[in-house]
Amino acid sequence: MNIGQAANASGVSAKMIRHYESIGVIPRPPRSESGYRRYEAADITRLTFVRRARAAGFDTADIRKLVSLWQDQRRTARDVKRLAQTHLAGIEARIEELRAVAGALSHLVAHCHGGDRPECPILESLAHEAAVGEPHPLPDRPRPRRQAPRGRSA
């Protein structure tokens, strides 16, 4: 099947399939005489695995490791579990951060009159530092940005 058919069958866009090939998450498939990628059932299974791992929040490096472990018949479940536990701990830490942000924002929303006056504690909090010795109600740590995949043509 061609890349469009593989995308439909796996639920992974053609652009992301090309990206995953270019960074080695999945192997490059053979090409037809006319130069089109040719995918087999095993490729669709692999792409579906990658899509599910991405949906579970794994980053590209971890997905690469998971694919490698999945295909390694000598792997140990211990290695897979360790990777999943590390990922879970990261998710739980982000949840805690989000709960703190939600609490701070909820407090600010409750104290904003929302009327016609220009004063607004939400904007004040975003614009100013907390008092000395006081934690700022909103986190100051920048979140890591995900890199957008670079598209490649077929």
N, C-alpha and C. Protein backbone atom coordinates (compact mmCIF):
# COMPACT_ATOMS: atom_id res chain seq x y z
N MET A 1 0.85 -1.19 0.00
CA MET A 1 0.00 0.00 0.00
C MET A 1 0.89 1.24 0.00
N ASN A 2 0.35 2.36 -0.49
CA ASN A 2 1.14 3.60 -0.53
C ASN A 2 1.01 4.36 0.79
N ILE A 3 1.67 5.51 0.88
CA ILE A 3 1.71 6.24 2.16
C ILE A 3 0.33 6.74 2.58
N GLY A 4 -0.50 7.14 1.62
CA GLY A 4 -1.86 7.59 1.96
C GLY A 4 -2.69 6.48 2.54
N GLN A 5 -2.58 5.31 1.95
CA GLN A 5 -3.31 4.14 2.45
C GLN A 5 -2.77 3.72 3.82
N ALA A 6 -1.45 3.80 3.98
CA ALA A 6 -0.85 3.46 5.27
C ALA A 6 -1.31 4.45 6.34
N ALA A 7 -1.39 5.72 5.98
CA ALA A 7 -1.86 6.74 6.92
C ALA A 7 -3.30 6.45 7.35
N ASN A 8 -4.15 6.13 6.39
CA ASN A 8 -5.54 5.82 6.72
C ASN A 8 -5.66 4.57 7.58
N ALA A 9 -4.88 3.55 7.26
CA ALA A 9 -4.96 2.29 8.00
C ALA A 9 -4.41 2.40 9.41
N SER A 10 -3.40 3.25 9.62
CA SER A 10 -2.74 3.33 10.93
C SER A 10 -3.24 4.47 11.80
N GLY A 11 -3.86 5.47 11.19
CA GLY A 11 -4.27 6.64 11.95
C GLY A 11 -3.14 7.63 12.18
N VAL A 12 -2.03 7.46 11.47
CA VAL A 12 -0.88 8.36 11.55
C VAL A 12 -0.82 9.11 10.23
N SER A 13 -0.72 10.44 10.27
CA SER A 13 -0.70 11.22 9.04
C SER A 13 0.52 10.88 8.19
N ALA A 14 0.39 11.09 6.89
CA ALA A 14 1.51 10.85 5.98
C ALA A 14 2.71 11.71 6.37
N LYS A 15 2.47 12.92 6.79
CA LYS A 15 3.56 13.80 7.22
C LYS A 15 4.30 13.20 8.41
N MET A 16 3.57 12.68 9.39
CA MET A 16 4.21 12.08 10.56
C MET A 16 4.90 10.76 10.21
N ILE A 17 4.34 10.01 9.28
CA ILE A 17 5.01 8.78 8.84
C ILE A 17 6.38 9.14 8.27
N ARG A 18 6.44 10.15 7.41
CA ARG A 18 7.71 10.58 6.84
C ARG A 18 8.67 11.04 7.93
N HIS A 19 8.13 11.78 8.90
CA HIS A 19 8.95 12.27 10.02
C HIS A 19 9.52 11.10 10.81
N TYR A 20 8.67 10.14 11.19
CA TYR A 20 9.14 8.99 11.96
C TYR A 20 10.20 8.20 11.19
N GLU A 21 10.05 8.11 9.87
CA GLU A 21 11.06 7.46 9.05
C GLU A 21 12.37 8.24 9.08
N SER A 22 12.27 9.56 8.96
CA SER A 22 13.47 10.39 8.86
C SER A 22 14.29 10.39 10.14
N ILE A 23 13.65 10.19 11.29
CA ILE A 23 14.38 10.20 12.56
C ILE A 23 14.62 8.79 13.11
N GLY A 24 14.25 7.79 12.32
CA GLY A 24 14.57 6.42 12.69
C GLY A 24 13.65 5.75 13.68
N VAL A 25 12.48 6.31 13.93
CA VAL A 25 11.52 5.65 14.82
C VAL A 25 10.98 4.39 14.14
N ILE A 26 10.75 4.49 12.84
CA ILE A 26 10.35 3.33 12.04
C ILE A 26 11.31 3.24 10.87
N PRO A 27 11.51 2.03 10.35
CA PRO A 27 12.42 1.90 9.20
C PRO A 27 11.80 2.47 7.93
N ARG A 28 12.67 2.90 7.04
CA ARG A 28 12.19 3.37 5.74
C ARG A 28 11.73 2.14 4.94
N PRO A 29 10.54 2.23 4.34
CA PRO A 29 10.05 1.07 3.58
C PRO A 29 10.71 1.02 2.19
N PRO A 30 10.61 -0.13 1.56
CA PRO A 30 11.11 -0.20 0.19
C PRO A 30 10.24 0.69 -0.70
N ARG A 31 10.78 1.00 -1.87
CA ARG A 31 10.04 1.84 -2.82
C ARG A 31 9.72 1.06 -4.08
N SER A 32 8.64 1.49 -4.69
CA SER A 32 8.26 0.88 -5.97
C SER A 32 9.20 1.37 -7.06
N GLU A 33 9.08 0.81 -8.25
CA GLU A 33 9.92 1.23 -9.38
C GLU A 33 9.71 2.71 -9.68
N SER A 34 8.52 3.21 -9.40
CA SER A 34 8.23 4.63 -9.65
C SER A 34 8.62 5.52 -8.47
N GLY A 35 9.20 4.94 -7.42
CA GLY A 35 9.72 5.72 -6.30
C GLY A 35 8.78 5.92 -5.13
N TYR A 36 7.58 5.32 -5.19
CA TYR A 36 6.64 5.48 -4.08
C TYR A 36 6.95 4.50 -2.96
N ARG A 37 6.74 4.95 -1.74
CA ARG A 37 6.91 4.07 -0.58
C ARG A 37 5.88 2.95 -0.66
N ARG A 38 6.30 1.74 -0.27
CA ARG A 38 5.41 0.59 -0.26
C ARG A 38 5.36 0.04 1.15
N TYR A 39 4.19 0.04 1.74
CA TYR A 39 4.00 -0.41 3.12
C TYR A 39 3.31 -1.76 3.15
N GLU A 40 3.69 -2.56 4.12
CA GLU A 40 3.11 -3.89 4.35
C GLU A 40 2.33 -3.87 5.67
N ALA A 41 1.66 -4.97 5.96
CA ALA A 41 0.86 -5.07 7.20
C ALA A 41 1.71 -4.83 8.43
N ALA A 42 2.96 -5.33 8.44
CA ALA A 42 3.84 -5.13 9.60
C ALA A 42 4.14 -3.65 9.83
N ASP A 43 4.23 -2.88 8.75
CA ASP A 43 4.46 -1.44 8.88
C ASP A 43 3.25 -0.75 9.52
N ILE A 44 2.07 -1.20 9.16
CA ILE A 44 0.85 -0.61 9.73
C ILE A 44 0.77 -0.93 11.21
N THR A 45 1.11 -2.16 11.57
CA THR A 45 1.12 -2.55 12.99
C THR A 45 2.11 -1.68 13.76
N ARG A 46 3.29 -1.47 13.20
CA ARG A 46 4.32 -0.64 13.84
C ARG A 46 3.83 0.81 13.97
N LEU A 47 3.24 1.34 12.93
CA LEU A 47 2.72 2.72 12.98
C LEU A 47 1.60 2.85 14.02
N THR A 48 0.75 1.86 14.10
CA THR A 48 -0.32 1.88 15.10
C THR A 48 0.27 1.86 16.51
N PHE A 49 1.30 1.06 16.71
CA PHE A 49 2.01 1.02 17.99
C PHE A 49 2.55 2.41 18.33
N VAL A 50 3.19 3.05 17.37
CA VAL A 50 3.75 4.38 17.58
C VAL A 50 2.64 5.38 17.91
N ARG A 51 1.53 5.32 17.20
CA ARG A 51 0.41 6.23 17.47
C ARG A 51 -0.11 6.04 18.88
N ARG A 52 -0.23 4.80 19.32
CA ARG A 52 -0.73 4.54 20.68
C ARG A 52 0.27 5.00 21.74
N ALA A 53 1.55 4.81 21.47
CA ALA A 53 2.57 5.29 22.42
C ALA A 53 2.54 6.81 22.51
N ARG A 54 2.35 7.47 21.38
CA ARG A 54 2.25 8.93 21.36
C ARG A 54 1.00 9.37 22.13
N ALA A 55 -0.09 8.67 21.93
CA ALA A 55 -1.34 9.01 22.64
C ALA A 55 -1.17 8.83 24.15
N ALA A 56 -0.30 7.92 24.56
CA ALA A 56 -0.02 7.72 25.99
C ALA A 56 0.95 8.77 26.52
N GLY A 57 1.39 9.67 25.64
CA GLY A 57 2.22 10.78 26.07
C GLY A 57 3.72 10.55 26.00
N PHE A 58 4.15 9.41 25.49
CA PHE A 58 5.59 9.17 25.39
C PHE A 58 6.21 10.11 24.37
N ASP A 59 7.41 10.61 24.67
CA ASP A 59 8.10 11.46 23.71
C ASP A 59 8.78 10.59 22.66
N THR A 60 9.32 11.25 21.65
CA THR A 60 9.91 10.53 20.52
C THR A 60 11.03 9.60 20.95
N ALA A 61 11.90 10.06 21.83
CA ALA A 61 13.02 9.21 22.28
C ALA A 61 12.50 7.95 22.97
N ASP A 62 11.49 8.11 23.82
CA ASP A 62 10.92 6.95 24.50
C ASP A 62 10.17 6.03 23.53
N ILE A 63 9.52 6.62 22.54
CA ILE A 63 8.83 5.80 21.54
C ILE A 63 9.85 4.96 20.77
N ARG A 64 10.97 5.58 20.44
CA ARG A 64 12.03 4.84 19.75
C ARG A 64 12.48 3.65 20.60
N LYS A 65 12.66 3.89 21.91
CA LYS A 65 13.06 2.81 22.83
C LYS A 65 11.97 1.73 22.91
N LEU A 66 10.71 2.17 23.01
CA LEU A 66 9.62 1.20 23.11
C LEU A 66 9.52 0.34 21.86
N VAL A 67 9.66 0.95 20.69
CA VAL A 67 9.62 0.17 19.45
C VAL A 67 10.75 -0.85 19.44
N SER A 68 11.93 -0.40 19.85
CA SER A 68 13.09 -1.30 19.90
C SER A 68 12.84 -2.45 20.88
N LEU A 69 12.31 -2.14 22.05
CA LEU A 69 12.01 -3.19 23.04
C LEU A 69 10.94 -4.14 22.53
N TRP A 70 9.93 -3.58 21.89
CA TRP A 70 8.82 -4.38 21.37
C TRP A 70 9.31 -5.39 20.34
N GLN A 71 10.27 -4.97 19.54
CA GLN A 71 10.76 -5.85 18.48
C GLN A 71 11.88 -6.77 18.93
N ASP A 72 12.40 -6.56 20.13
CA ASP A 72 13.49 -7.38 20.67
C ASP A 72 12.92 -8.53 21.47
N GLN A 73 13.01 -9.72 20.93
CA GLN A 73 12.45 -10.90 21.61
C GLN A 73 13.24 -11.25 22.87
N ARG A 74 14.43 -10.69 23.05
CA ARG A 74 15.24 -10.96 24.24
C ARG A 74 15.06 -9.89 25.31
N ARG A 75 14.16 -8.95 25.09
CA ARG A 75 13.94 -7.86 26.06
C ARG A 75 13.46 -8.44 27.38
N THR A 76 13.58 -7.62 28.40
CA THR A 76 12.98 -8.01 29.68
C THR A 76 11.82 -7.06 29.95
N ALA A 77 10.80 -7.58 30.56
CA ALA A 77 9.66 -6.75 30.94
C ALA A 77 10.11 -5.67 31.92
N ARG A 78 11.17 -5.94 32.66
CA ARG A 78 11.71 -4.98 33.63
C ARG A 78 12.10 -3.67 32.92
N ASP A 79 12.73 -3.80 31.75
CA ASP A 79 13.14 -2.60 31.01
C ASP A 79 11.94 -1.79 30.55
N VAL A 80 10.92 -2.48 30.09
CA VAL A 80 9.71 -1.79 29.63
C VAL A 80 9.03 -1.12 30.82
N LYS A 81 8.93 -1.84 31.91
CA LYS A 81 8.27 -1.30 33.10
C LYS A 81 9.02 -0.08 33.62
N ARG A 82 10.34 -0.13 33.63
CA ARG A 82 11.14 1.00 34.11
C ARG A 82 10.87 2.25 33.25
N LEU A 83 10.82 2.08 31.95
CA LEU A 83 10.54 3.19 31.05
C LEU A 83 9.14 3.75 31.31
N ALA A 84 8.17 2.87 31.47
CA ALA A 84 6.80 3.30 31.73
C ALA A 84 6.67 3.97 33.10
N GLN A 85 7.38 3.46 34.10
CA GLN A 85 7.33 4.07 35.43
C GLN A 85 7.92 5.49 35.41
N THR A 86 9.01 5.66 34.70
CA THR A 86 9.62 6.98 34.59
C THR A 86 8.65 7.94 33.90
N HIS A 87 8.01 7.48 32.85
CA HIS A 87 7.04 8.31 32.14
C HIS A 87 5.85 8.65 33.04
N LEU A 88 5.37 7.66 33.77
CA LEU A 88 4.24 7.88 34.69
C LEU A 88 4.61 8.91 35.76
N ALA A 89 5.82 8.83 36.30
CA ALA A 89 6.25 9.79 37.31
C ALA A 89 6.26 11.20 36.73
N GLY A 90 6.67 11.34 35.48
CA GLY A 90 6.65 12.65 34.83
C GLY A 90 5.23 13.16 34.65
N ILE A 91 4.32 12.29 34.27
CA ILE A 91 2.91 12.67 34.12
C ILE A 91 2.35 13.12 35.47
N GLU A 92 2.63 12.35 36.52
CA GLU A 92 2.12 12.71 37.85
C GLU A 92 2.68 14.04 38.32
N ALA A 93 3.95 14.32 38.02
CA ALA A 93 4.54 15.61 38.40
C ALA A 93 3.86 16.75 37.64
N ARG A 94 3.59 16.53 36.36
CA ARG A 94 2.90 17.57 35.57
C ARG A 94 1.49 17.80 36.10
N ILE A 95 0.82 16.73 36.51
CA ILE A 95 -0.53 16.87 37.07
C ILE A 95 -0.47 17.73 38.33
N GLU A 96 0.51 17.49 39.18
CA GLU A 96 0.66 18.31 40.39
C GLU A 96 0.91 19.78 40.04
N GLU A 97 1.77 20.01 39.06
CA GLU A 97 2.03 21.38 38.62
C GLU A 97 0.75 22.03 38.11
N LEU A 98 -0.01 21.29 37.32
CA LEU A 98 -1.27 21.83 36.79
C LEU A 98 -2.28 22.09 37.89
N ARG A 99 -2.31 21.23 38.90
CA ARG A 99 -3.21 21.47 40.04
C ARG A 99 -2.84 22.77 40.75
N ALA A 100 -1.54 23.02 40.91
CA ALA A 100 -1.08 24.25 41.55
C ALA A 100 -1.45 25.46 40.70
N VAL A 101 -1.26 25.36 39.40
CA VAL A 101 -1.62 26.45 38.49
C VAL A 101 -3.12 26.68 38.53
N ALA A 102 -3.90 25.61 38.51
CA ALA A 102 -5.36 25.74 38.55
C ALA A 102 -5.81 26.40 39.84
N GLY A 103 -5.19 26.02 40.96
CA GLY A 103 -5.55 26.64 42.23
C GLY A 103 -5.23 28.13 42.25
N ALA A 104 -4.05 28.48 41.76
CA ALA A 104 -3.65 29.89 41.73
C ALA A 104 -4.56 30.68 40.80
N LEU A 105 -4.83 30.12 39.64
CA LEU A 105 -5.68 30.82 38.68
C LEU A 105 -7.11 30.93 39.20
N SER A 106 -7.58 29.89 39.86
CA SER A 106 -8.92 29.93 40.45
C SER A 106 -9.02 31.05 41.48
N HIS A 107 -7.97 31.18 42.30
CA HIS A 107 -7.93 32.26 43.30
C HIS A 107 -7.97 33.62 42.62
N LEU A 108 -7.18 33.79 41.57
CA LEU A 108 -7.15 35.07 40.86
C LEU A 108 -8.49 35.37 40.20
N VAL A 109 -9.11 34.38 39.59
CA VAL A 109 -10.41 34.58 38.95
C VAL A 109 -11.45 34.97 39.99
N ALA A 110 -11.41 34.33 41.15
CA ALA A 110 -12.37 34.65 42.20
C ALA A 110 -12.21 36.08 42.70
N HIS A 111 -10.99 36.63 42.62
CA HIS A 111 -10.74 37.98 43.11
C HIS A 111 -10.77 39.05 42.03
N CYS A 112 -11.11 38.67 40.82
CA CYS A 112 -11.24 39.65 39.74
C CYS A 112 -12.71 40.04 39.65
N HIS A 113 -12.98 41.33 39.76
CA HIS A 113 -14.37 41.80 39.74
C HIS A 113 -15.01 41.62 38.37
N GLY A 114 -14.21 41.62 37.32
CA GLY A 114 -14.74 41.39 35.98
C GLY A 114 -15.64 42.49 35.46
N GLY A 115 -15.62 43.64 36.11
CA GLY A 115 -16.50 44.74 35.69
C GLY A 115 -15.85 45.65 34.67
N ASP A 116 -16.31 46.90 34.67
CA ASP A 116 -15.86 47.89 33.69
C ASP A 116 -14.59 48.62 34.10
N ARG A 117 -14.14 48.44 35.34
CA ARG A 117 -12.92 49.11 35.78
C ARG A 117 -11.70 48.40 35.19
N PRO A 118 -10.60 49.15 35.06
CA PRO A 118 -9.41 48.54 34.47
C PRO A 118 -8.62 47.65 35.43
N GLU A 119 -8.81 47.78 36.73
CA GLU A 119 -8.04 46.99 37.69
C GLU A 119 -8.39 45.51 37.54
N CYS A 120 -7.33 44.69 37.51
CA CYS A 120 -7.55 43.25 37.35
C CYS A 120 -6.43 42.49 38.03
N PRO A 121 -6.74 41.72 39.07
CA PRO A 121 -5.69 40.97 39.77
C PRO A 121 -5.03 39.91 38.90
N ILE A 122 -5.71 39.44 37.88
CA ILE A 122 -5.11 38.45 37.00
C ILE A 122 -3.93 39.08 36.25
N LEU A 123 -4.19 40.24 35.64
CA LEU A 123 -3.12 40.93 34.91
C LEU A 123 -2.03 41.40 35.86
N GLU A 124 -2.41 41.86 37.03
CA GLU A 124 -1.42 42.31 38.02
C GLU A 124 -0.48 41.15 38.39
N SER A 125 -1.04 39.99 38.61
CA SER A 125 -0.24 38.84 39.00
C SER A 125 0.71 38.42 37.88
N LEU A 126 0.24 38.46 36.64
CA LEU A 126 1.09 38.09 35.52
C LEU A 126 2.21 39.09 35.29
N ALA A 127 1.94 40.36 35.60
CA ALA A 127 2.90 41.42 35.31
C ALA A 127 3.92 41.66 36.40
N HIS A 128 3.63 41.30 37.63
CA HIS A 128 4.51 41.67 38.74
C HIS A 128 5.05 40.47 39.49
N GLU A 129 6.18 40.71 40.11
CA GLU A 129 6.79 39.70 40.97
C GLU A 129 6.01 39.60 42.27
N ALA A 130 6.13 38.48 42.94
CA ALA A 130 5.52 38.31 44.25
C ALA A 130 6.32 39.13 45.25
N ALA A 131 5.70 39.40 46.38
CA ALA A 131 6.40 40.12 47.44
C ALA A 131 7.59 39.29 47.92
N VAL A 132 8.59 39.97 48.44
CA VAL A 132 9.79 39.28 48.92
C VAL A 132 9.39 38.22 49.93
N GLY A 133 9.91 37.01 49.71
CA GLY A 133 9.62 35.91 50.61
C GLY A 133 8.31 35.19 50.31
N GLU A 134 7.53 35.71 49.40
CA GLU A 134 6.25 35.10 49.03
C GLU A 134 6.40 34.37 47.70
N PRO A 135 5.85 33.18 47.57
CA PRO A 135 5.90 32.52 46.27
C PRO A 135 4.91 33.18 45.31
N HIS A 136 5.31 33.27 44.06
CA HIS A 136 4.39 33.82 43.06
C HIS A 136 3.28 32.79 42.86
N PRO A 137 2.03 33.25 42.72
CA PRO A 137 0.94 32.29 42.61
C PRO A 137 0.98 31.45 41.33
N LEU A 138 1.61 31.98 40.29
CA LEU A 138 1.70 31.24 39.03
C LEU A 138 3.15 30.83 38.79
N PRO A 139 3.37 29.67 38.22
CA PRO A 139 4.75 29.20 38.02
C PRO A 139 5.52 30.08 37.06
N ASP A 140 6.81 30.17 37.31
CA ASP A 140 7.67 31.01 36.49
C ASP A 140 8.54 30.17 35.57
N ARG A 141 8.42 28.87 35.69
CA ARG A 141 9.25 27.96 34.91
C ARG A 141 8.69 27.80 33.51
N PRO A 142 9.50 28.08 32.48
CA PRO A 142 8.98 27.88 31.12
C PRO A 142 8.83 26.40 30.82
N ARG A 143 7.78 26.06 30.14
CA ARG A 143 7.55 24.68 29.76
C ARG A 143 8.39 24.35 28.54
N PRO A 144 8.93 23.15 28.46
CA PRO A 144 9.70 22.79 27.27
C PRO A 144 8.79 22.76 26.05
N ARG A 145 9.32 23.27 24.96
CA ARG A 145 8.53 23.29 23.73
C ARG A 145 8.78 22.01 22.95
N ARG A 146 7.72 21.48 22.39
CA ARG A 146 7.86 20.32 21.53
C ARG A 146 8.27 20.81 20.16
N GLN A 147 9.18 20.10 19.55
CA GLN A 147 9.60 20.46 18.22
C GLN A 147 8.61 19.92 17.20
N ALA A 148 8.24 20.78 16.27
CA ALA A 148 7.34 20.36 15.21
C ALA A 148 8.12 19.49 14.23
N PRO A 149 7.49 18.46 13.72
CA PRO A 149 8.18 17.61 12.75
C PRO A 149 8.46 18.37 11.47
N ARG A 150 9.60 18.06 10.88
CA ARG A 150 9.92 18.65 9.58
C ARG A 150 9.34 17.74 8.52
N GLY A 151 8.47 18.30 7.69
CA GLY A 151 7.84 17.49 6.64
C GLY A 151 8.82 17.18 5.52
N ARG A 152 8.66 16.00 4.97
CA ARG A 152 9.48 15.59 3.82
C ARG A 152 8.56 15.05 2.76
N SER A 153 8.90 15.23 1.55
CA SER A 153 8.03 14.77 0.47
C SER A 153 8.21 13.28 0.22
N ALA A 154 7.21 12.71 -0.46
CA ALA A 154 7.20 11.26 -0.70
C ALA A 154 8.26 10.81 -1.62
